[in-house]
C-alpha atoms as a PDB file:
ATOM      1  CA  UNK A   1     -53.750  74.896  21.214  1.00  0.00           C
ATOM      2  CA  UNK A   2     -51.326  72.555  20.162  1.00  0.00           C
ATOM      3  CA  UNK A   3     -49.212  70.977  22.832  1.00  0.00           C
ATOM      4  CA  UNK A   4     -45.424  71.186  22.953  1.00  0.00           C
ATOM      5  CA  UNK A   5     -43.040  68.510  21.866  1.00  0.00           C
ATOM      6  CA  UNK A   6     -41.645  66.367  24.621  1.00  0.00           C
ATOM      7  CA  UNK A   7     -38.005  67.437  25.417  1.00  0.00           C
ATOM      8  CA  UNK A   8     -36.933  64.336  26.387  1.00  0.00           C
ATOM      9  CA  UNK A   9     -37.065  60.310  25.124  1.00  0.00           C
ATOM     10  CA  UNK A  10     -36.523  56.656  25.944  1.00  0.00           C
ATOM     11  CA  UNK A  11     -33.785  55.501  24.055  1.00  0.00           C
ATOM     12  CA  UNK A  12     -31.901  51.918  24.210  1.00  0.00           C
ATOM     13  CA  UNK A  13     -28.270  51.724  24.877  1.00  0.00           C
ATOM     14  CA  UNK A  14     -27.219  48.000  23.512  1.00  0.00           C
ATOM     15  CA  UNK A  15     -24.226  46.189  24.530  1.00  0.00           C
ATOM     16  CA  UNK A  16     -21.273  46.308  22.026  1.00  0.00           C
ATOM     17  CA  UNK A  17     -20.348  42.610  22.978  1.00  0.00           C
ATOM     18  CA  UNK A  18     -23.333  41.151  21.170  1.00  0.00           C
ATOM     19  CA  UNK A  19     -24.387  39.493  24.439  1.00  0.00           C
ATOM     20  CA  UNK A  20     -28.133  41.317  23.759  1.00  0.00           C
ATOM     21  CA  UNK A  21     -28.036  43.020  27.193  1.00  0.00           C
ATOM     22  CA  UNK A  22     -29.367  46.361  27.154  1.00  0.00           C
ATOM     23  CA  UNK A  23     -29.873  49.409  28.974  1.00  0.00           C
ATOM     24  CA  UNK A  24     -32.990  51.848  28.956  1.00  0.00           C
ATOM     25  CA  UNK A  25     -31.962  55.692  29.262  1.00  0.00           C
ATOM     26  CA  UNK A  26     -33.714  59.067  29.082  1.00  0.00           C
ATOM     27  CA  UNK A  27     -32.349  61.490  26.530  1.00  0.00           C
ATOM     28  CA  UNK A  28     -33.138  65.174  26.369  1.00  0.00           C
ATOM     29  CA  UNK A  29     -33.111  65.883  22.563  1.00  0.00           C
ATOM     30  CA  UNK A  30     -32.238  69.607  22.915  1.00  0.00           C
ATOM     31  CA  UNK A  31     -29.338  69.430  24.367  1.00  0.00           C
ATOM     32  CA  UNK A  32     -28.158  65.588  22.866  1.00  0.00           C
ATOM     33  CA  UNK A  33     -28.117  66.121  19.776  1.00  0.00           C
ATOM     34  CA  UNK A  34     -25.267  63.165  18.832  1.00  0.00           C
ATOM     35  CA  UNK A  35     -26.173  59.295  19.619  1.00  0.00           C
ATOM     36  CA  UNK A  36     -24.998  58.274  23.284  1.00  0.00           C
ATOM     37  CA  UNK A  37     -22.427  56.057  23.926  1.00  0.00           C
ATOM     38  CA  UNK A  38     -21.562  54.992  27.346  1.00  0.00           C
ATOM     39  CA  UNK A  39     -19.162  52.253  28.711  1.00  0.00           C
ATOM     40  CA  UNK A  40     -21.002  50.661  31.378  1.00  0.00           C
ATOM     41  CA  UNK A  41     -21.430  47.155  32.839  1.00  0.00           C
ATOM     42  CA  UNK A  42     -22.490  44.276  30.850  1.00  0.00           C
ATOM     43  CA  UNK A  43     -23.483  41.272  33.204  1.00  0.00           C
ATOM     44  CA  UNK A  44     -23.518  38.524  30.734  1.00  0.00           C
ATOM     45  CA  UNK A  45     -19.821  38.989  29.315  1.00  0.00           C
ATOM     46  CA  UNK A  46     -18.842  39.848  33.337  1.00  0.00           C
ATOM     47  CA  UNK A  47     -16.974  42.966  32.065  1.00  0.00           C
ATOM     48  CA  UNK A  48     -17.364  47.025  31.282  1.00  0.00           C
ATOM     49  CA  UNK A  49     -18.009  47.446  27.251  1.00  0.00           C
ATOM     50  CA  UNK A  50     -19.149  49.937  25.164  1.00  0.00           C
ATOM     51  CA  UNK A  51     -23.000  50.667  25.120  1.00  0.00           C
ATOM     52  CA  UNK A  52     -24.520  52.554  21.934  1.00  0.00           C
ATOM     53  CA  UNK A  53     -27.844  53.934  21.447  1.00  0.00           C
ATOM     54  CA  UNK A  54     -30.502  52.427  19.566  1.00  0.00           C
ATOM     55  CA  UNK A  55     -34.256  52.697  19.039  1.00  0.00           C
ATOM     56  CA  UNK A  56     -36.569  51.269  21.136  1.00  0.00           C
ATOM     57  CA  UNK A  57     -38.866  48.555  19.198  1.00  0.00           C
END
């Protein structure tokens, strides 16, 4: 019997302020089919910026 495919994956949320700072978040691939995008705090830029989804290498 084959195992079921995982419904959640880990994604990297990279800062658009080009500081290199990132968060790691879980994403449900069945319900969230698009790219994730959040406004979160970037401590290197010391302000809230947009974080966009990227692959974990």
